[in-house]
């Protein structure tokens, strides 16, 4: 049975602009009662609220300034959400940066920030404030998290971690106790500022050269953020716990199923002479 979005309340980190704002609008279009946009940038946040007010009517969204590296900030986001809307049912862990040149900060946001969101939602707020039998956490990964991308190896590692979180938390034993469904969306190259301004946000010339060659060869099919947002809505409604969904090149989402390493045990034995 599909998860019913009607009257649900969602928190979206990194939700004030770009693809995060597209997620918010797609959810509202498909029946969600309200969204909280959690973001570090108040200028973008206030602008986003004005957009939503104009498109969907007032009292459908709030902005809360938040640095996801700080778990207390995320707790405040959820407190403000239930204070305004009484409930919280969905978390979209979207906040992230792509910049290997400042890799410590990138790891703190992409990895620690995702864990912070998961723990606050699953352990502190969903048990009291979700409206139906389950809460839903969507972790935004990336195509780089399931395939190698040498131009941004550290970013790729952070998104691999997001996939690992989703698969590891998204098992029946934890679901039975926590009643929280975990899914991940792994977008391909999406035309947002994160991607359009990618040059120079790596570890140096060799990485930049690799990127330029792949872009020039058309190796990375592109898509619009609105397409990813519409596919995310389908994932929220229908995807099974622990599943990971790739959205690439403007095509429908498809499930990524990792190969069981045990099946390769006899095929790929290290042979030393």
Protein backbone atom coordinates (compact mmCIF):
# COMPACT_ATOMS: atom_id res chain seq x y z
CA UNK A 1 0.00 0.00 0.00
CA UNK A 2 1.32 3.42 -0.94
CA UNK A 3 2.28 5.88 1.75
CA UNK A 4 -0.44 8.53 1.83
CA UNK A 5 1.05 12.02 1.57
CA UNK A 6 -2.21 13.76 2.39
CA UNK A 7 -1.90 16.10 5.39
CA UNK A 8 1.63 14.92 6.17
CA UNK A 9 4.35 17.32 7.37
CA UNK A 10 7.90 17.20 5.99
CA UNK A 11 11.24 18.64 7.09
CA UNK A 12 13.71 19.29 4.27
CA UNK A 13 17.31 20.15 5.07
CA UNK A 14 19.02 22.33 2.51
CA UNK A 15 15.50 23.20 1.45
CA UNK A 16 15.76 26.93 0.79
CA UNK A 17 16.96 26.77 -2.81
CA UNK A 18 17.90 24.52 -5.70
CA UNK A 19 16.78 20.93 -5.66
CA UNK A 20 15.73 21.11 -2.00
CA UNK A 21 13.14 23.75 -2.80
CA UNK A 22 11.98 21.62 -5.74
CA UNK A 23 11.43 18.73 -3.31
CA UNK A 24 9.31 21.00 -1.12
CA UNK A 25 7.13 22.16 -4.00
CA UNK A 26 6.69 18.64 -5.39
CA UNK A 27 5.58 17.34 -1.99
CA UNK A 28 3.12 20.21 -1.54
CA UNK A 29 1.75 19.63 -5.03
CA UNK A 30 1.15 15.98 -4.16
CA UNK A 31 -0.82 16.50 -0.97
CA UNK A 32 1.62 17.23 1.83
CA UNK A 33 0.05 19.67 4.28
CA UNK A 34 3.19 21.62 5.14
CA UNK A 35 6.97 21.72 4.88
CA UNK A 36 9.75 23.11 7.00
CA UNK A 37 12.74 24.43 5.06
CA UNK A 38 15.89 24.04 7.16
CA UNK A 39 18.86 25.88 5.71
CA UNK A 40 21.89 27.98 6.69
CA UNK A 41 20.96 30.84 4.37
CA UNK A 42 18.15 33.10 5.69
CA UNK A 43 18.06 35.21 2.53
CA UNK A 44 17.29 32.16 0.42
CA UNK A 45 14.96 30.82 3.10
CA UNK A 46 12.79 33.91 3.27
CA UNK A 47 12.66 34.13 -0.52
CA UNK A 48 11.59 30.48 -0.70
CA UNK A 49 8.77 31.04 1.79
CA UNK A 50 7.46 33.93 -0.30
CA UNK A 51 7.48 31.68 -3.37
CA UNK A 52 5.59 28.94 -1.57
CA UNK A 53 3.08 31.42 -0.12
CA UNK A 54 2.37 32.70 -3.63
CA UNK A 55 2.08 29.25 -5.19
CA UNK A 56 0.36 27.24 -2.46
CA UNK A 57 -1.13 29.75 0.00
CA UNK A 58 0.02 30.89 3.41
CA UNK A 59 0.77 28.63 6.39
CA UNK A 60 2.07 25.84 4.18
CA UNK A 61 5.76 26.37 4.98
CA UNK A 62 8.17 27.81 7.52
CA UNK A 63 11.88 28.51 7.34
CA UNK A 64 14.21 27.66 10.22
CA UNK A 65 17.87 28.59 10.02
CA UNK A 66 19.95 25.50 10.66
CA UNK A 67 23.48 24.17 10.37
CA UNK A 68 23.10 20.40 10.07
CA UNK A 69 26.55 19.88 11.59
CA UNK A 70 24.98 20.98 14.88
CA UNK A 71 22.50 18.45 16.24
CA UNK A 72 20.95 21.08 18.51
CA UNK A 73 20.09 23.12 15.43
CA UNK A 74 18.27 20.15 13.94
CA UNK A 75 16.40 19.55 17.18
CA UNK A 76 15.24 23.18 17.04
CA UNK A 77 14.04 22.64 13.47
CA UNK A 78 11.84 19.77 14.59
CA UNK A 79 10.60 21.65 17.67
CA UNK A 80 9.59 24.60 15.47
CA UNK A 81 7.89 22.21 13.06
CA UNK A 82 5.67 20.53 15.65
CA UNK A 83 5.04 23.87 17.34
CA UNK A 84 3.65 25.25 14.06
CA UNK A 85 2.11 22.18 12.41
CA UNK A 86 1.65 19.77 15.38
CA UNK A 87 3.15 16.81 13.51
CA UNK A 88 6.22 15.66 11.58
CA UNK A 89 6.16 12.62 9.33
CA UNK A 90 8.87 12.91 6.68
CA UNK A 91 12.52 13.96 6.73
CA UNK A 92 14.38 14.69 3.50
CA UNK A 93 18.10 14.67 4.37
CA UNK A 94 19.12 16.89 1.46
CA UNK A 95 21.69 19.33 2.89
CA UNK A 96 25.08 18.81 1.29
CA UNK A 97 27.98 20.46 -0.48
CA UNK A 98 30.23 19.36 -3.32
CA UNK A 99 33.69 20.74 -2.69
CA UNK A 100 36.64 18.40 -2.18
CA UNK A 101 38.87 21.44 -1.70
CA UNK A 102 37.28 21.89 1.75
CA UNK A 103 36.84 18.21 2.41
CA UNK A 104 36.69 18.36 6.21
CA UNK A 105 33.67 20.64 6.03
CA UNK A 106 32.17 18.55 3.25
CA UNK A 107 32.37 15.40 5.35
CA UNK A 108 30.88 17.20 8.36
CA UNK A 109 27.88 18.39 6.35
CA UNK A 110 27.27 15.42 4.07
CA UNK A 111 27.98 12.64 6.57
CA UNK A 112 27.61 14.02 10.09
CA UNK A 113 24.68 16.19 9.05
CA UNK A 114 22.83 13.20 7.63
CA UNK A 115 23.41 11.14 10.78
CA UNK A 116 22.24 14.04 12.93
CA UNK A 117 19.00 14.28 10.98
CA UNK A 118 18.38 10.55 11.17
CA UNK A 119 18.88 10.35 14.92
CA UNK A 120 16.79 13.41 15.74
CA UNK A 121 13.89 12.28 13.55
CA UNK A 122 13.88 8.58 14.31
CA UNK A 123 14.61 8.64 18.04
CA UNK A 124 13.18 11.94 19.29
CA UNK A 125 10.32 13.16 17.11
CA UNK A 126 8.78 10.45 14.94
CA UNK A 127 7.79 8.34 17.98
CA UNK A 128 5.61 11.17 19.33
CA UNK A 129 4.64 13.28 16.34
CA UNK A 130 4.16 11.14 13.23
CA UNK A 131 0.52 10.83 12.19
CA UNK A 132 0.38 7.32 10.77
CA UNK A 133 2.03 3.99 11.34
CA UNK A 134 5.41 5.00 9.97
CA UNK A 135 7.75 7.89 9.47
CA UNK A 136 9.81 8.21 6.31
CA UNK A 137 13.44 9.31 6.01
CA UNK A 138 14.76 10.01 2.51
CA UNK A 139 18.53 10.31 2.35
CA UNK A 140 19.76 12.16 -0.72
CA UNK A 141 22.77 10.29 -2.05
CA UNK A 142 24.24 10.67 -5.55
CA UNK A 143 25.23 8.65 -8.55
CA UNK A 144 28.76 9.25 -7.26
CA UNK A 145 27.91 7.15 -4.20
CA UNK A 146 27.32 3.99 -6.23
CA UNK A 147 29.89 4.46 -9.01
CA UNK A 148 33.45 5.78 -9.00
CA UNK A 149 33.97 9.46 -9.80
CA UNK A 150 37.70 10.22 -9.53
CA UNK A 151 37.32 13.98 -10.02
CA UNK A 152 35.62 14.21 -6.58
CA UNK A 153 36.76 11.14 -4.62
CA UNK A 154 35.95 12.57 -1.19
CA UNK A 155 32.48 13.74 -2.19
CA UNK A 156 31.88 10.30 -3.67
CA UNK A 157 32.89 8.75 -0.37
CA UNK A 158 30.41 10.89 1.56
CA UNK A 159 27.60 9.81 -0.73
CA UNK A 160 28.65 6.17 -0.46
CA UNK A 161 28.22 6.64 3.28
CA UNK A 162 24.68 7.93 2.72
CA UNK A 163 23.87 4.79 0.73
CA UNK A 164 25.37 2.69 3.53
CA UNK A 165 23.28 4.45 6.17
CA UNK A 166 20.12 3.79 4.19
CA UNK A 167 20.83 0.10 3.62
CA UNK A 168 21.99 -0.47 7.21
CA UNK A 169 19.15 1.33 8.97
CA UNK A 170 16.59 0.12 6.44
CA UNK A 171 16.20 -3.43 7.71
CA UNK A 172 13.12 -5.16 9.07
CA UNK A 173 14.45 -5.59 12.61
CA UNK A 174 14.98 -1.84 13.07
CA UNK A 175 11.75 -0.96 11.27
CA UNK A 176 9.76 -3.21 13.59
CA UNK A 177 11.06 -1.24 16.58
CA UNK A 178 11.26 2.27 15.16
CA UNK A 179 8.49 2.26 12.52
CA UNK A 180 10.70 4.41 10.29
CA UNK A 181 11.13 3.58 6.62
CA UNK A 182 14.50 4.48 5.09
CA UNK A 183 14.98 5.11 1.38
CA UNK A 184 17.64 6.88 -0.65
CA UNK A 185 17.54 8.84 -3.88
CA UNK A 186 20.75 8.97 -5.90
CA UNK A 187 20.47 11.69 -8.57
CA UNK A 188 22.74 11.83 -11.56
CA UNK A 189 24.06 15.16 -12.83
CA UNK A 190 21.30 17.66 -12.09
CA UNK A 191 21.36 21.22 -13.32
CA UNK A 192 21.65 23.08 -10.02
CA UNK A 193 24.29 25.54 -8.75
CA UNK A 194 26.00 22.59 -7.03
CA UNK A 195 26.86 21.18 -10.46
CA UNK A 196 26.92 24.23 -12.71
CA UNK A 197 29.70 25.77 -10.63
CA UNK A 198 31.69 22.58 -10.11
CA UNK A 199 34.99 23.66 -11.68
CA UNK A 200 37.69 24.44 -9.14
CA UNK A 201 35.99 22.59 -6.31
CA UNK A 202 38.35 19.65 -6.34
CA UNK A 203 41.82 18.66 -5.16
CA UNK A 204 43.83 20.11 -8.03
CA UNK A 205 44.70 19.99 -11.76
CA UNK A 206 44.64 16.22 -12.29
CA UNK A 207 41.08 16.03 -10.91
CA UNK A 208 39.99 19.05 -12.93
CA UNK A 209 41.41 17.50 -16.11
CA UNK A 210 39.52 14.26 -15.52
CA UNK A 211 36.28 16.21 -15.02
CA UNK A 212 36.74 18.27 -18.17
CA UNK A 213 37.41 15.18 -20.29
CA UNK A 214 34.28 13.42 -19.04
CA UNK A 215 32.09 16.48 -19.53
CA UNK A 216 33.47 17.06 -23.02
CA UNK A 217 32.78 13.42 -23.91
CA UNK A 218 29.18 13.62 -22.70
CA UNK A 219 29.74 10.96 -20.07
CA UNK A 220 27.34 12.56 -17.58
CA UNK A 221 23.75 12.90 -18.86
CA UNK A 222 21.99 15.88 -17.30
CA UNK A 223 18.49 16.52 -16.00
CA UNK A 224 16.37 19.24 -14.43
CA UNK A 225 15.85 19.37 -10.65
CA UNK A 226 12.07 19.32 -11.06
CA UNK A 227 12.32 15.86 -12.63
CA UNK A 228 14.29 14.53 -9.65
CA UNK A 229 11.73 16.05 -7.28
CA UNK A 230 8.83 14.36 -9.05
CA UNK A 231 10.63 11.01 -8.92
CA UNK A 232 11.37 11.53 -5.21
CA UNK A 233 7.64 11.84 -4.54
CA UNK A 234 7.11 8.42 -6.13
CA UNK A 235 9.91 6.97 -4.00
CA UNK A 236 8.40 8.39 -0.80
CA UNK A 237 5.05 6.86 -1.65
CA UNK A 238 6.06 3.45 -3.00
CA UNK A 239 9.70 2.45 -2.29
CA UNK A 240 10.47 -0.40 0.07
CA UNK A 241 12.43 0.07 3.26
CA UNK A 242 16.18 0.12 2.68
CA UNK A 243 15.96 0.65 -1.08
CA UNK A 244 18.15 3.02 -3.13
CA UNK A 245 16.80 4.69 -6.28
CA UNK A 246 18.84 6.23 -9.09
CA UNK A 247 17.39 9.17 -11.04
CA UNK A 248 19.57 10.00 -14.02
CA UNK A 249 19.28 11.69 -17.39
CA UNK A 250 15.63 12.63 -16.97
CA UNK A 251 14.57 8.98 -16.94
CA UNK A 252 12.28 7.28 -14.38
CA UNK A 253 13.83 6.22 -11.11
CA UNK A 254 15.22 2.69 -11.00
CA UNK A 255 16.32 0.67 -8.03
CA UNK A 256 20.03 0.17 -7.44
CA UNK A 257 20.69 -3.31 -6.07
CA UNK A 258 24.28 -3.92 -4.91
CA UNK A 259 25.92 -7.18 -5.84
CA UNK A 260 26.25 -9.58 -2.91
CA UNK A 261 30.04 -9.82 -2.38
CA UNK A 262 29.72 -13.45 -1.32
CA UNK A 263 28.57 -14.37 -4.81
CA UNK A 264 31.94 -13.21 -6.13
CA UNK A 265 34.00 -15.22 -3.66
CA UNK A 266 34.95 -18.01 -6.05
CA UNK A 267 35.18 -15.83 -9.14
CA UNK A 268 37.58 -13.18 -7.98
CA UNK A 269 39.99 -14.89 -5.64
CA UNK A 270 43.32 -13.11 -5.27
CA UNK A 271 45.85 -15.33 -6.97
CA UNK A 272 49.43 -14.98 -5.80
CA UNK A 273 52.18 -16.96 -7.48
